[in-house]
């Protein structure tokens, strides 16, 4: 087994995870009711944010989406808002399921590599 195979896999996994987080933030910002200049400011700050800060932003944006849906349900006269938020929530859920599946597949591959490495080292 090549010595360099394990370290090469880790950056790919980190890059995939980071990419999925960025996609998540961009999707949530797109669905957000924030003004466009505020959305632009967040996108501009994104490269300087730590992963913990990105996670916090995701949490806040998810909370905003949930609160907006709750508001829309309480104010049925805003049918266009309700439809827009339902579609956004469905797209978000589908993207998250897809990202979770990709992550599980990648983790399974890592587990297989570790098992093969452990068997070769014994």
C-alpha atoms as a PDB file:
ATOM      1  CA  UNK A   1       0.000   0.000   0.000  1.00  0.00           C
ATOM      2  CA  UNK A   2       1.474   3.427  -0.912  1.00  0.00           C
ATOM      3  CA  UNK A   3       2.535   5.541   2.027  1.00  0.00           C
ATOM      4  CA  UNK A   4       0.983   8.726   0.586  1.00  0.00           C
ATOM      5  CA  UNK A   5      -2.535   7.317   0.000  1.00  0.00           C
ATOM      6  CA  UNK A   6      -3.953   8.147   3.461  1.00  0.00           C
ATOM      7  CA  UNK A   7      -2.831  11.825   3.656  1.00  0.00           C
ATOM      8  CA  UNK A   8      -4.128  12.535   0.145  1.00  0.00           C
ATOM      9  CA  UNK A   9      -7.626  11.341   1.095  1.00  0.00           C
ATOM     10  CA  UNK A  10      -7.957  13.647   4.145  1.00  0.00           C
ATOM     11  CA  UNK A  11      -7.688  16.952   2.208  1.00  0.00           C
ATOM     12  CA  UNK A  12     -10.228  15.657  -0.334  1.00  0.00           C
ATOM     13  CA  UNK A  13     -12.674  14.889   2.476  1.00  0.00           C
ATOM     14  CA  UNK A  14     -12.044  18.271   4.146  1.00  0.00           C
ATOM     15  CA  UNK A  15     -12.491  20.031   0.815  1.00  0.00           C
ATOM     16  CA  UNK A  16     -15.730  18.156   0.136  1.00  0.00           C
ATOM     17  CA  UNK A  17     -17.010  19.013   3.624  1.00  0.00           C
ATOM     18  CA  UNK A  18     -16.056  22.659   3.244  1.00  0.00           C
ATOM     19  CA  UNK A  19     -17.654  22.789  -0.206  1.00  0.00           C
ATOM     20  CA  UNK A  20     -20.897  21.337   1.165  1.00  0.00           C
ATOM     21  CA  UNK A  21     -20.900  23.944   3.963  1.00  0.00           C
ATOM     22  CA  UNK A  22     -20.379  26.770   1.469  1.00  0.00           C
ATOM     23  CA  UNK A  23     -23.177  25.402  -0.730  1.00  0.00           C
ATOM     24  CA  UNK A  24     -25.397  25.217   2.338  1.00  0.00           C
ATOM     25  CA  UNK A  25     -24.667  28.848   3.291  1.00  0.00           C
ATOM     26  CA  UNK A  26     -25.203  30.079  -0.258  1.00  0.00           C
ATOM     27  CA  UNK A  27     -28.493  28.223  -0.541  1.00  0.00           C
ATOM     28  CA  UNK A  28     -29.736  29.541   2.804  1.00  0.00           C
ATOM     29  CA  UNK A  29     -28.672  33.085   1.912  1.00  0.00           C
ATOM     30  CA  UNK A  30     -30.549  32.779  -1.369  1.00  0.00           C
ATOM     31  CA  UNK A  31     -33.691  31.687   0.495  1.00  0.00           C
ATOM     32  CA  UNK A  32     -33.213  34.350   3.160  1.00  0.00           C
ATOM     33  CA  UNK A  33     -35.414  37.412   3.450  1.00  0.00           C
ATOM     34  CA  UNK A  34     -32.331  39.572   4.108  1.00  0.00           C
ATOM     35  CA  UNK A  35     -31.682  42.516   1.828  1.00  0.00           C
ATOM     36  CA  UNK A  36     -29.287  41.739  -1.030  1.00  0.00           C
ATOM     37  CA  UNK A  37     -26.562  44.035   0.317  1.00  0.00           C
ATOM     38  CA  UNK A  38     -26.547  42.097   3.599  1.00  0.00           C
ATOM     39  CA  UNK A  39     -26.364  38.794   1.700  1.00  0.00           C
ATOM     40  CA  UNK A  40     -23.445  40.178  -0.313  1.00  0.00           C
ATOM     41  CA  UNK A  41     -21.676  41.203   2.892  1.00  0.00           C
ATOM     42  CA  UNK A  42     -21.992  37.657   4.271  1.00  0.00           C
ATOM     43  CA  UNK A  43     -20.659  36.143   1.056  1.00  0.00           C
ATOM     44  CA  UNK A  44     -17.727  38.588   1.180  1.00  0.00           C
ATOM     45  CA  UNK A  45     -16.934  37.588   4.778  1.00  0.00           C
ATOM     46  CA  UNK A  46     -17.267  33.859   4.162  1.00  0.00           C
ATOM     47  CA  UNK A  47     -13.629  33.200   3.103  1.00  0.00           C
ATOM     48  CA  UNK A  48     -12.347  34.753   6.346  1.00  0.00           C
ATOM     49  CA  UNK A  49     -14.702  32.846   8.621  1.00  0.00           C
ATOM     50  CA  UNK A  50     -13.659  29.839  10.666  1.00  0.00           C
ATOM     51  CA  UNK A  51     -15.600  26.593  10.321  1.00  0.00           C
ATOM     52  CA  UNK A  52     -17.217  27.272  13.723  1.00  0.00           C
ATOM     53  CA  UNK A  53     -18.357  30.695  12.510  1.00  0.00           C
ATOM     54  CA  UNK A  54     -19.721  29.176   9.303  1.00  0.00           C
ATOM     55  CA  UNK A  55     -21.603  26.580  11.367  1.00  0.00           C
ATOM     56  CA  UNK A  56     -23.045  29.366  13.531  1.00  0.00           C
ATOM     57  CA  UNK A  57     -24.124  31.289  10.423  1.00  0.00           C
ATOM     58  CA  UNK A  58     -25.780  28.154   9.033  1.00  0.00           C
ATOM     59  CA  UNK A  59     -27.653  27.742  12.319  1.00  0.00           C
ATOM     60  CA  UNK A  60     -28.856  31.340  12.237  1.00  0.00           C
ATOM     61  CA  UNK A  61     -29.929  31.106   8.602  1.00  0.00           C
ATOM     62  CA  UNK A  62     -31.774  27.836   9.273  1.00  0.00           C
ATOM     63  CA  UNK A  63     -33.511  29.493  12.216  1.00  0.00           C
ATOM     64  CA  UNK A  64     -34.471  32.449  10.015  1.00  0.00           C
ATOM     65  CA  UNK A  65     -35.941  30.060   7.437  1.00  0.00           C
ATOM     66  CA  UNK A  66     -37.947  28.286  10.145  1.00  0.00           C
ATOM     67  CA  UNK A  67     -39.214  31.562  11.623  1.00  0.00           C
ATOM     68  CA  UNK A  68     -40.168  32.855   8.184  1.00  0.00           C
ATOM     69  CA  UNK A  69     -42.155  29.677   7.523  1.00  0.00           C
ATOM     70  CA  UNK A  70     -43.907  30.036  10.879  1.00  0.00           C
ATOM     71  CA  UNK A  71     -44.724  33.672  10.085  1.00  0.00           C
ATOM     72  CA  UNK A  72     -46.046  32.702   6.683  1.00  0.00           C
ATOM     73  CA  UNK A  73     -48.341  30.093   8.242  1.00  0.00           C
ATOM     74  CA  UNK A  74     -49.732  32.678  10.669  1.00  0.00           C
ATOM     75  CA  UNK A  75     -50.329  35.166   7.847  1.00  0.00           C
ATOM     76  CA  UNK A  76     -52.007  33.182   5.062  1.00  0.00           C
ATOM     77  CA  UNK A  77     -52.562  36.354   3.061  1.00  0.00           C
ATOM     78  CA  UNK A  78     -48.883  36.094   2.130  1.00  0.00           C
ATOM     79  CA  UNK A  79     -49.460  33.030  -0.073  1.00  0.00           C
ATOM     80  CA  UNK A  80     -46.582  33.897  -2.395  1.00  0.00           C
ATOM     81  CA  UNK A  81     -44.191  33.982   0.569  1.00  0.00           C
ATOM     82  CA  UNK A  82     -45.550  30.663   1.830  1.00  0.00           C
ATOM     83  CA  UNK A  83     -45.016  28.985  -1.533  1.00  0.00           C
ATOM     84  CA  UNK A  84     -41.533  30.457  -1.932  1.00  0.00           C
ATOM     85  CA  UNK A  85     -40.482  29.309   1.535  1.00  0.00           C
ATOM     86  CA  UNK A  86     -41.930  25.809   1.081  1.00  0.00           C
ATOM     87  CA  UNK A  87     -40.032  25.389  -2.176  1.00  0.00           C
ATOM     88  CA  UNK A  88     -36.864  26.728  -0.555  1.00  0.00           C
ATOM     89  CA  UNK A  89     -37.255  24.360   2.398  1.00  0.00           C
ATOM     90  CA  UNK A  90     -37.815  21.378   0.109  1.00  0.00           C
ATOM     91  CA  UNK A  91     -34.738  22.260  -1.978  1.00  0.00           C
ATOM     92  CA  UNK A  92     -32.708  22.750   1.193  1.00  0.00           C
ATOM     93  CA  UNK A  93     -33.806  19.393   2.625  1.00  0.00           C
ATOM     94  CA  UNK A  94     -32.957  17.649  -0.654  1.00  0.00           C
ATOM     95  CA  UNK A  95     -29.501  19.289  -0.769  1.00  0.00           C
ATOM     96  CA  UNK A  96     -28.824  18.318   2.851  1.00  0.00           C
ATOM     97  CA  UNK A  97     -29.857  14.711   2.196  1.00  0.00           C
ATOM     98  CA  UNK A  98     -27.570  14.637  -0.832  1.00  0.00           C
ATOM     99  CA  UNK A  99     -24.668  16.094   1.185  1.00  0.00           C
ATOM    100  CA  UNK A 100     -25.270  13.597   4.005  1.00  0.00           C
ATOM    101  CA  UNK A 101     -25.246  10.709   1.530  1.00  0.00           C
ATOM    102  CA  UNK A 102     -21.985  11.939  -0.044  1.00  0.00           C
ATOM    103  CA  UNK A 103     -20.404  12.258   3.397  1.00  0.00           C
ATOM    104  CA  UNK A 104     -21.490   8.762   4.428  1.00  0.00           C
ATOM    105  CA  UNK A 105     -20.097   7.329   1.195  1.00  0.00           C
ATOM    106  CA  UNK A 106     -16.784   9.084   1.756  1.00  0.00           C
ATOM    107  CA  UNK A 107     -16.630   7.959   5.385  1.00  0.00           C
ATOM    108  CA  UNK A 108     -17.298   4.388   4.279  1.00  0.00           C
ATOM    109  CA  UNK A 109     -14.404   4.610   1.822  1.00  0.00           C
ATOM    110  CA  UNK A 110     -12.116   5.896   4.580  1.00  0.00           C
ATOM    111  CA  UNK A 111     -13.237   3.083   6.866  1.00  0.00           C
ATOM    112  CA  UNK A 112     -12.431   0.527   4.149  1.00  0.00           C
ATOM    113  CA  UNK A 113      -9.005   2.092   3.612  1.00  0.00           C
ATOM    114  CA  UNK A 114      -8.281   1.981   7.335  1.00  0.00           C
ATOM    115  CA  UNK A 115      -9.391  -1.646   7.521  1.00  0.00           C
ATOM    116  CA  UNK A 116      -7.167  -2.551   4.581  1.00  0.00           C
ATOM    117  CA  UNK A 117      -4.263  -0.650   6.123  1.00  0.00           C
ATOM    118  CA  UNK A 118      -4.780  -2.341   9.496  1.00  0.00           C
ATOM    119  CA  UNK A 119      -4.901  -5.774   7.875  1.00  0.00           C
ATOM    120  CA  UNK A 120      -1.733  -5.039   5.938  1.00  0.00           C
ATOM    121  CA  UNK A 121       0.058  -3.762   9.048  1.00  0.00           C
ATOM    122  CA  UNK A 122      -0.767  -6.851  11.139  1.00  0.00           C
END
